[in-house]
Each structure stands twice: as structure tokens, then as C-alpha cells.
Amino acid sequence: MNRRAGEAVVIDEGGLARLSAGARMFATGAAESAHTLTLDWAGSLIGPGVELVTAEEPAPDTLCVAVSLVGSTTALGEQLPRGDEPARAVRALERRLGERAGAVVALNLAAENALVPLIAAAQLGVPLVDGDGTGRVFPLLEQTTYALGGMSPAPVALAGGSGELVLLETAGDRVEELMRPVVLSVGGWAVAACYPMAAGDLARVLVPGTVSLLLRAGEPGAPRSTAAPFGVRNLCRGRILAVEGSTGHGADLSLPSLPSSIVVQETEGLRRLVRLEAHNEIVLALADGAAVAMTPDQICMISTADGMVVDVDQAVPGLEVDVMVVKAAPVWHTDRGQRLGGLHAFGIPL
């Protein structure tokens, strides 16, 4: 959002609605019931609003904590939260570190994950930092620009919906391996407080301004491309011909899922046959056998009927979709970024 010098930006009830709408533009894996629940949850706490700050505004040594939903959004819709999970997770991490958090930041800003950090900020009475740790969405907790910048996700505090509280302390590259069975055991979802770091470090590793971007994207009449920080292109419009292999029913409960392929017949332009290779998400697009898009850029199917994102496990023959490519932040296109978020990270050789 545009702000004048010295002017505070506050996300109030109207801002919450815009943020919610903007966060749905390219969000995969978002269950409607879970998103509505999280929006209502945030609405019950927003009060006069949550201050939105840049990472440079707090003192450089201010403790900042990333807050995110982990696990299954479907499970969240079935096993309702008590309501205190974000604050409980952050407070547990504070006890471990012996320091109070002065700000909250998002891990990523897709659907519910744009709202859970806002809930945490409202519960704790601290500001929300304008940015996130991906600039898009990856399935693993360690697939972040925070990790690319040398920050560790651990220690991680997990708060479950039935009162559970688990603290994981391990090497950063083992967090996902250890966290996955814990999340399953507490009902399939939890709120994680992770990546504790000083504001000075956060300013260095953050993808900045993405919360403001989604607030603008959620305004009536704003084009979908507003929600793409680094650009978006329309790969093709077509009709799904076939879905091959497992689409990972329940894959959001257990990572990684089994791979699957979606075959799309282009209905305009060159009439190409486009194959979308998926592993938790679409990671590679081939048009008549030639690679035309791949992770770390995000590849999405958008229903032409209602404009909503079509998840891999919702793809069915006959559905007409626009296949869109959201360009990732430049750091993901470095050698290190490719190792963490490129094809090899999903088990696909180049």
C-alpha cells in the first residue's frame, strides 16, 4: 500500500476482507470451509485493526516470528480450533527463547496463511510485517527465502486444536520430517511459530511488500495479476483431457504426495497438448513435449467458469482452465534457490 512518511497503516475490518480476497487469487489447497472459518476467526479479533509495518520499522534487534498454518486445510474445517492456537504457539517459542516477540510475519500468503499471522498479531498486540518468506507458496516449511538467507526454521512451536503444544528443536533440514507425523497425530493441522529472527535479519531475507500487494489485489475490479509480485503470464487456455496417476487425495495431510499428470488440450492459439506434472503442486508444464514452465515459478490452473484456482486433486476431464505461471522472486532463480525450490527438490531430474 502507498503510505505517506510517518503514516501508520492499519489492517481493519475492510482491510481484512481485501486481504482475504487477494490471498485467494493464486492459492492452491484452499478449502472453502477452512477459509471461511479463518476469515470469521480473524474478524472476531481484528477490533480497531492490526498495524502493518515494514521490516525496517522495528528496532533491528526486535524478535520477529513467522506464524503459519501447517497440515491440512480440510482437517481445519473438520476439527475446529479453540481459537488461541496462534498466540499459544508464539508464547511457547518465546518461553524457549527467553524473549518476547515484537512483530509477527507470514511464512507465505496463500489463503488461510495470510490470515493466521494477522490473527496472531491481533492476539499478541504486535504489528504484522509487510512481507512473507516465499513470494509464492512451497509445500515444505524449509522452502523459504528465510532459509535461503541462512535463517533456521527451528526451534518450532506447534499448537494443535485440542490443546496440544509441541516444541521441535532440530537441524533446519529435518523440521519437515519430524513435524509431519506430529501434525497428523494432533488431528491433521496445527499452527506453527517458527523462524525466530531479529528484525534486522528479517529485512535482509524477506520478500517485502507482499501483504500490501494482496490488499490492493483484493480491491473490487483489481486484475488478478496484481497479486503476482514479480509478474504473471497466461500459458494457455484449454480443456482437461485426462488425469493420470494419483492426485494425492489427502496429500495435504502427508508430504510428499504421489506424482500425477494432468493433460490439457489447448483450445486457442497453437492447439498444443499441454502436460502438467504435479507433486503436491504443479511443478512442470510441457507443451507438445517441450518444457514451457517449471518450478520455482508457480503454475496454476484457474477455472474459466468461476475464476477460482483448481487444485490438482480437483482436476477432472472436461473442465476448462486457464494455465497461468506466476514468476517467483529472483532469489528462487539463483543456484541455491533452484536447489531448494527447483525440480530436483520435487524429485524430478532436469
Protein backbone atom coordinates (compact mmCIF):
# COMPACT_ATOMS: atom_id res chain seq x y z
CA MET A 1 0.00 0.00 0.00
CA ASN A 2 1.12 3.54 -0.58
CA ARG A 3 1.85 5.36 2.66
CA ARG A 4 2.95 8.87 3.47
CA ALA A 5 6.05 9.37 5.59
CA GLY A 6 5.19 8.78 9.25
CA GLU A 7 1.71 7.48 8.42
CA ALA A 8 0.63 4.26 10.16
CA VAL A 9 -1.05 1.59 8.03
CA VAL A 10 -3.69 -0.43 9.83
CA ILE A 11 -5.50 -3.54 8.57
CA ASP A 12 -9.03 -3.09 9.84
CA GLU A 13 -12.22 -4.99 9.03
CA GLY A 14 -12.32 -3.64 5.48
CA GLY A 15 -8.65 -4.41 5.01
CA LEU A 16 -9.22 -7.94 6.28
CA ALA A 17 -11.83 -8.52 3.57
CA ARG A 18 -9.45 -7.24 0.89
CA LEU A 19 -6.54 -9.29 2.20
CA SER A 20 -8.72 -12.40 2.24
CA ALA A 21 -9.82 -11.84 -1.35
CA GLY A 22 -6.30 -11.10 -2.57
CA ALA A 23 -4.90 -14.17 -0.85
CA ARG A 24 -7.21 -16.44 -2.86
CA MET A 25 -6.02 -15.30 -6.29
CA PHE A 26 -3.32 -17.95 -6.78
CA ALA A 27 -3.83 -20.11 -3.67
CA THR A 28 -3.80 -23.86 -4.17
CA GLY A 29 -5.02 -26.28 -1.50
CA ALA A 30 -7.52 -23.81 -0.03
CA ALA A 31 -10.68 -25.46 1.33
CA GLU A 32 -13.66 -23.12 1.24
CA SER A 33 -14.90 -24.13 4.70
CA ALA A 34 -11.45 -23.58 6.22
CA HIS A 35 -11.02 -20.21 4.54
CA THR A 36 -14.44 -19.01 5.73
CA LEU A 37 -13.68 -20.26 9.24
CA THR A 38 -10.31 -18.47 9.32
CA LEU A 39 -11.82 -15.26 7.95
CA ASP A 40 -14.51 -15.33 10.66
CA TRP A 41 -11.82 -16.09 13.25
CA ALA A 42 -9.77 -13.10 12.16
CA GLY A 43 -12.87 -10.91 12.00
CA SER A 44 -13.71 -11.70 15.61
CA LEU A 45 -10.29 -10.42 16.73
CA ILE A 46 -9.44 -7.57 14.37
CA GLY A 47 -11.06 -4.88 16.53
CA PRO A 48 -9.70 -1.43 15.59
CA GLY A 49 -7.10 -3.11 13.41
CA VAL A 50 -3.56 -4.51 13.26
CA GLU A 51 -0.67 -2.24 12.36
CA LEU A 52 1.22 -3.17 9.20
CA VAL A 53 4.91 -2.26 9.29
CA THR A 54 7.95 -2.72 7.10
CA ALA A 55 10.76 -4.91 8.46
CA GLU A 56 12.88 -1.77 8.84
CA GLU A 57 10.46 -0.02 11.22
CA PRO A 58 11.04 -2.07 14.41
CA ALA A 59 14.42 -1.79 16.13
CA PRO A 60 16.92 -4.11 14.38
CA ASP A 61 17.17 -6.43 17.41
CA THR A 62 13.38 -6.86 17.73
CA LEU A 63 12.40 -10.54 17.78
CA CYS A 64 10.15 -11.41 14.83
CA VAL A 65 8.38 -14.76 14.50
CA ALA A 66 6.84 -16.38 11.43
CA VAL A 67 3.37 -17.84 12.01
CA SER A 68 1.64 -20.28 9.69
CA LEU A 69 -0.99 -22.95 9.45
CA VAL A 70 0.64 -26.33 8.77
CA GLY A 71 -1.07 -29.52 7.64
CA SER A 72 -4.46 -29.88 6.05
CA THR A 73 -6.94 -27.08 5.46
CA THR A 74 -9.61 -29.76 5.09
CA ALA A 75 -8.78 -31.03 8.56
CA LEU A 76 -9.05 -27.47 9.93
CA GLY A 77 -12.59 -27.27 8.59
CA GLU A 78 -13.47 -30.56 10.28
CA GLN A 79 -11.65 -30.12 13.61
CA LEU A 80 -12.33 -26.57 14.69
CA PRO A 81 -9.71 -24.51 16.52
CA ARG A 82 -10.06 -23.48 20.13
CA GLY A 83 -9.05 -20.02 18.96
CA ASP A 84 -5.86 -19.45 20.93
CA GLU A 85 -3.53 -21.56 18.78
CA PRO A 86 -1.51 -18.71 17.17
CA ALA A 87 -0.86 -16.96 20.48
CA ARG A 88 -0.10 -20.26 22.25
CA ALA A 89 2.46 -21.22 19.62
CA VAL A 90 4.24 -17.85 19.77
CA ARG A 91 4.21 -17.75 23.57
CA ALA A 92 5.76 -21.24 23.69
CA LEU A 93 8.53 -20.10 21.36
CA GLU A 94 9.06 -17.00 23.49
CA ARG A 95 9.46 -19.17 26.61
CA ARG A 96 12.07 -21.29 24.83
CA LEU A 97 13.99 -18.20 23.66
CA GLY A 98 13.55 -16.15 26.81
CA GLU A 99 12.43 -13.14 24.79
CA ARG A 100 9.16 -11.50 23.77
CA ALA A 101 8.24 -11.23 20.10
CA GLY A 102 7.85 -7.67 18.88
CA ALA A 103 6.34 -8.48 15.49
CA VAL A 104 4.78 -11.32 13.51
CA VAL A 105 5.44 -12.18 9.88
CA ALA A 106 3.88 -14.62 7.41
CA LEU A 107 5.55 -17.77 6.14
CA ASN A 108 3.54 -17.43 2.94
CA LEU A 109 0.40 -15.52 2.00
CA ALA A 110 -1.85 -18.11 0.37
CA ALA A 111 -5.46 -18.20 1.58
CA GLU A 112 -5.57 -19.08 5.30
CA ASN A 113 -1.86 -18.46 5.71
CA ALA A 114 -2.41 -14.77 5.02
CA LEU A 115 -4.91 -14.59 7.86
CA VAL A 116 -3.32 -16.73 10.60
CA PRO A 117 -0.37 -14.31 11.13
CA LEU A 118 -2.88 -11.46 11.32
CA ILE A 119 -4.77 -13.41 13.99
CA ALA A 120 -1.52 -13.91 15.90
CA ALA A 121 -0.67 -10.21 15.70
CA ALA A 122 -4.14 -9.26 16.95
CA GLN A 123 -3.95 -11.73 19.85
CA LEU A 124 -0.45 -10.66 20.87
CA GLY A 125 -0.92 -6.92 20.32
CA VAL A 126 2.08 -6.63 17.99
CA PRO A 127 2.38 -5.41 14.38
CA LEU A 128 2.36 -7.56 11.27
CA VAL A 129 5.37 -7.20 8.98
CA ASP A 130 4.58 -6.34 5.35
CA GLY A 131 6.07 -9.30 3.51
CA ASP A 132 6.47 -13.06 3.61
CA GLY A 133 9.01 -15.82 3.25
CA THR A 134 8.30 -17.15 -0.23
CA GLY A 135 6.68 -14.62 -2.58
CA ARG A 136 4.66 -17.66 -3.68
CA VAL A 137 3.91 -20.99 -1.96
CA PHE A 138 6.01 -24.10 -1.47
CA PRO A 139 4.86 -27.23 0.36
CA LEU A 140 7.74 -27.59 2.83
CA LEU A 141 8.49 -25.42 5.85
CA GLU A 142 12.15 -25.11 4.91
CA GLN A 143 11.37 -23.93 1.35
CA THR A 144 11.53 -20.22 2.17
CA THR A 145 13.59 -17.16 1.40
CA TYR A 146 14.28 -17.12 5.14
CA ALA A 147 16.13 -20.42 4.77
CA LEU A 148 17.87 -19.18 1.62
CA GLY A 149 19.15 -16.27 3.71
CA GLY A 150 20.61 -18.58 6.34
CA MET A 151 17.79 -18.47 8.90
CA SER A 152 16.68 -21.73 10.55
CA PRO A 153 13.00 -22.64 10.98
CA ALA A 154 13.82 -24.23 14.34
CA PRO A 155 13.00 -24.12 17.12
CA VAL A 156 9.38 -24.58 16.03
CA ALA A 157 6.39 -24.44 18.36
CA LEU A 158 3.25 -26.26 17.22
CA ALA A 159 -0.17 -25.59 18.77
CA GLY A 160 -2.91 -28.11 17.99
CA GLY A 161 -6.67 -27.65 18.04
CA SER A 162 -7.21 -29.82 21.12
CA GLY A 163 -4.74 -28.00 23.33
CA GLU A 164 -1.57 -29.79 22.25
CA LEU A 165 1.72 -27.91 22.35
CA VAL A 166 4.87 -29.41 20.86
CA LEU A 167 8.32 -27.85 20.61
CA LEU A 168 10.65 -29.17 17.90
CA GLU A 169 14.33 -28.41 18.14
CA THR A 170 16.44 -29.92 15.37
CA ALA A 171 18.51 -29.11 12.32
CA GLY A 172 16.58 -26.94 9.88
CA ASP A 173 16.54 -29.55 7.13
CA ARG A 174 14.88 -32.12 9.44
CA VAL A 175 11.98 -29.97 10.61
CA GLU A 176 9.54 -31.18 7.97
CA GLU A 177 10.47 -34.84 8.53
CA LEU A 178 9.78 -34.57 12.27
CA MET A 179 6.84 -32.18 12.07
CA ARG A 180 4.76 -34.21 9.60
CA PRO A 181 3.86 -37.14 11.94
CA VAL A 182 3.29 -34.73 14.83
CA VAL A 183 0.77 -32.70 12.81
CA LEU A 184 -1.00 -35.91 11.77
CA SER A 185 -1.18 -37.07 15.38
CA VAL A 186 -2.82 -33.84 16.61
CA GLY A 187 -5.62 -34.01 14.05
CA GLY A 188 -4.07 -33.08 10.71
CA TRP A 189 -3.41 -29.39 11.30
CA ALA A 190 -1.63 -27.07 13.71
CA VAL A 191 -0.38 -23.50 13.95
CA ALA A 192 3.40 -23.19 13.79
CA ALA A 193 5.54 -20.41 15.23
CA CYS A 194 8.93 -20.65 13.59
CA TYR A 195 11.92 -18.84 12.04
CA PRO A 196 12.63 -16.66 15.09
CA MET A 197 14.94 -13.86 13.96
CA ALA A 198 15.87 -10.26 14.61
CA ALA A 199 14.12 -7.61 12.53
CA GLY A 200 17.48 -6.68 11.01
CA ASP A 201 17.85 -10.22 9.66
CA LEU A 202 14.23 -10.34 8.56
CA ALA A 203 14.70 -7.20 6.47
CA ARG A 204 17.52 -8.98 4.63
CA VAL A 205 15.66 -12.24 3.85
CA LEU A 206 12.04 -11.09 3.48
CA VAL A 207 10.10 -10.81 0.24
CA PRO A 208 8.89 -7.29 1.05
CA GLY A 209 5.58 -5.58 0.42
CA THR A 210 3.52 -8.66 -0.37
CA VAL A 211 0.81 -8.02 2.23
CA SER A 212 0.22 -4.57 0.74
CA LEU A 213 0.12 -6.15 -2.69
CA LEU A 214 -2.66 -8.56 -1.67
CA LEU A 215 -4.60 -5.72 -0.08
CA ARG A 216 -4.56 -3.99 -3.47
CA ALA A 217 -5.37 -7.23 -5.31
CA GLY A 218 -8.45 -7.69 -3.12
CA GLU A 219 -9.97 -4.38 -4.15
CA PRO A 220 -13.05 -4.67 -6.40
CA GLY A 221 -12.09 -4.73 -10.06
CA ALA A 222 -8.37 -5.25 -9.46
CA PRO A 223 -6.85 -7.59 -12.05
CA ARG A 224 -5.62 -10.98 -10.88
CA SER A 225 -2.09 -10.02 -11.94
CA THR A 226 -1.98 -7.52 -9.06
CA ALA A 227 -1.43 -10.48 -6.71
CA ALA A 228 1.71 -11.58 -8.60
CA PRO A 229 4.66 -9.62 -7.16
CA PHE A 230 7.10 -10.49 -9.96
CA GLY A 231 4.76 -10.93 -12.93
CA VAL A 232 2.37 -13.50 -14.37
CA ARG A 233 1.82 -14.94 -17.82
CA ASN A 234 -1.06 -16.90 -19.29
CA LEU A 235 0.42 -20.13 -20.62
CA CYS A 236 -2.73 -21.40 -22.33
CA ARG A 237 -6.47 -21.88 -22.17
CA GLY A 238 -7.64 -25.42 -22.61
CA ARG A 239 -9.83 -28.32 -21.60
CA ILE A 240 -8.61 -31.10 -19.32
CA LEU A 241 -8.48 -34.35 -21.30
CA ALA A 242 -7.13 -36.74 -18.69
CA VAL A 243 -5.79 -37.02 -15.16
CA GLU A 244 -3.18 -39.75 -14.83
CA GLY A 245 -1.70 -41.29 -11.70
CA SER A 246 -2.52 -40.34 -8.13
CA THR A 247 -3.83 -36.86 -7.47
CA GLY A 248 -2.94 -37.39 -3.83
CA HIS A 249 -6.31 -37.49 -2.09
CA GLY A 250 -5.27 -36.44 1.38
CA ALA A 251 -1.87 -35.39 0.06
CA ASP A 252 -2.06 -32.21 2.07
CA LEU A 253 -2.09 -34.44 5.17
CA SER A 254 1.15 -36.16 4.24
CA LEU A 255 4.03 -34.81 2.22
CA PRO A 256 5.28 -35.64 -0.26
CA SER A 257 2.27 -36.87 -2.23
CA LEU A 258 2.34 -39.30 -5.12
CA PRO A 259 3.02 -37.73 -8.51
CA SER A 260 0.28 -37.21 -11.08
CA SER A 261 -0.12 -35.75 -14.56
CA ILE A 262 -2.88 -33.57 -15.98
CA VAL A 263 -3.28 -33.42 -19.75
CA VAL A 264 -4.80 -30.23 -21.17
CA GLN A 265 -5.82 -29.72 -24.81
CA GLU A 266 -5.25 -26.10 -25.76
CA THR A 267 -8.45 -24.66 -27.25
CA GLU A 268 -6.94 -21.43 -28.61
CA GLY A 269 -3.78 -20.45 -30.42
CA LEU A 270 -1.45 -23.32 -31.34
CA ARG A 271 -3.83 -26.07 -30.06
CA ARG A 272 -0.94 -27.71 -28.22
CA LEU A 273 -1.21 -30.69 -25.92
CA VAL A 274 -0.05 -29.45 -22.53
CA ARG A 275 1.01 -31.90 -19.82
CA LEU A 276 1.15 -30.64 -16.23
CA GLU A 277 3.33 -32.74 -13.93
CA ALA A 278 2.30 -32.43 -10.29
CA HIS A 279 3.85 -33.43 -6.99
CA ASN A 280 1.84 -31.71 -4.24
CA GLU A 281 1.60 -28.87 -6.75
CA ILE A 282 2.19 -28.45 -10.48
CA VAL A 283 5.95 -28.31 -10.90
CA LEU A 284 6.45 -28.70 -14.66
CA ALA A 285 4.48 -27.82 -17.80
CA LEU A 286 5.28 -29.45 -21.15
CA ALA A 287 3.69 -28.24 -24.39
CA ASP A 288 3.94 -30.84 -27.17
CA GLY A 289 6.82 -32.35 -25.19
CA ALA A 290 8.82 -29.13 -24.69
CA ALA A 291 9.25 -27.61 -21.24
CA VAL A 292 7.48 -24.24 -21.13
CA ALA A 293 7.28 -23.57 -17.37
CA MET A 294 8.67 -25.11 -14.21
CA THR A 295 9.20 -24.57 -10.51
CA PRO A 296 10.36 -22.41 -8.76
CA ASP A 297 7.80 -20.39 -10.75
CA GLN A 298 4.28 -21.28 -9.63
CA ILE A 299 1.99 -22.97 -12.16
CA CYS A 300 -1.75 -22.65 -11.51
CA MET A 301 -4.94 -23.82 -13.16
CA ILE A 302 -7.73 -21.22 -12.99
CA SER A 303 -11.29 -22.30 -13.75
CA THR A 304 -12.76 -20.24 -16.59
CA ALA A 305 -16.22 -20.81 -15.09
CA ASP A 306 -15.73 -19.11 -11.73
CA GLY A 307 -12.18 -17.76 -11.72
CA MET A 308 -11.14 -19.94 -8.79
CA VAL A 309 -7.90 -21.89 -8.55
CA VAL A 310 -8.33 -25.57 -9.41
CA ASP A 311 -6.32 -27.83 -7.12
CA VAL A 312 -4.58 -30.89 -8.53
CA ASP A 313 -6.97 -33.21 -6.70
CA GLN A 314 -9.97 -31.33 -8.14
CA ALA A 315 -8.88 -31.66 -11.77
CA VAL A 316 -11.37 -33.67 -13.82
CA PRO A 317 -11.70 -34.30 -17.56
CA GLY A 318 -13.87 -31.72 -19.33
CA LEU A 319 -13.02 -28.80 -17.06
CA GLU A 320 -11.92 -25.67 -18.93
CA VAL A 321 -8.99 -23.87 -17.35
CA ASP A 322 -6.50 -21.08 -17.88
CA VAL A 323 -2.99 -22.27 -17.04
CA MET A 324 -1.09 -19.36 -15.53
CA VAL A 325 2.55 -19.02 -14.48
CA VAL A 326 3.39 -16.77 -11.52
CA LYS A 327 7.04 -15.77 -11.61
CA ALA A 328 8.95 -16.46 -8.40
CA ALA A 329 11.10 -13.93 -6.55
CA PRO A 330 14.55 -13.51 -8.14
CA VAL A 331 16.27 -15.30 -5.23
CA TRP A 332 14.50 -18.52 -6.25
CA HIS A 333 16.24 -18.38 -9.62
CA THR A 334 19.72 -18.43 -8.10
CA ASP A 335 21.64 -21.71 -7.88
CA ARG A 336 20.76 -22.08 -4.21
CA GLY A 337 17.14 -21.19 -4.83
CA GLN A 338 16.91 -23.78 -7.60
CA ARG A 339 18.32 -26.44 -5.27
CA LEU A 340 15.72 -25.66 -2.63
CA GLY A 341 12.70 -24.97 -4.84
CA GLY A 342 13.54 -26.26 -8.32
CA LEU A 343 12.68 -29.56 -9.99
CA HIS A 344 15.29 -31.56 -8.09
CA ALA A 345 13.60 -30.60 -4.82
CA PHE A 346 10.49 -32.42 -6.07
CA GLY A 347 12.40 -35.48 -7.23
CA ILE A 348 12.35 -34.62 -10.92
CA PRO A 349 15.70 -34.71 -12.75
CA LEU A 350 16.43 -31.95 -15.25
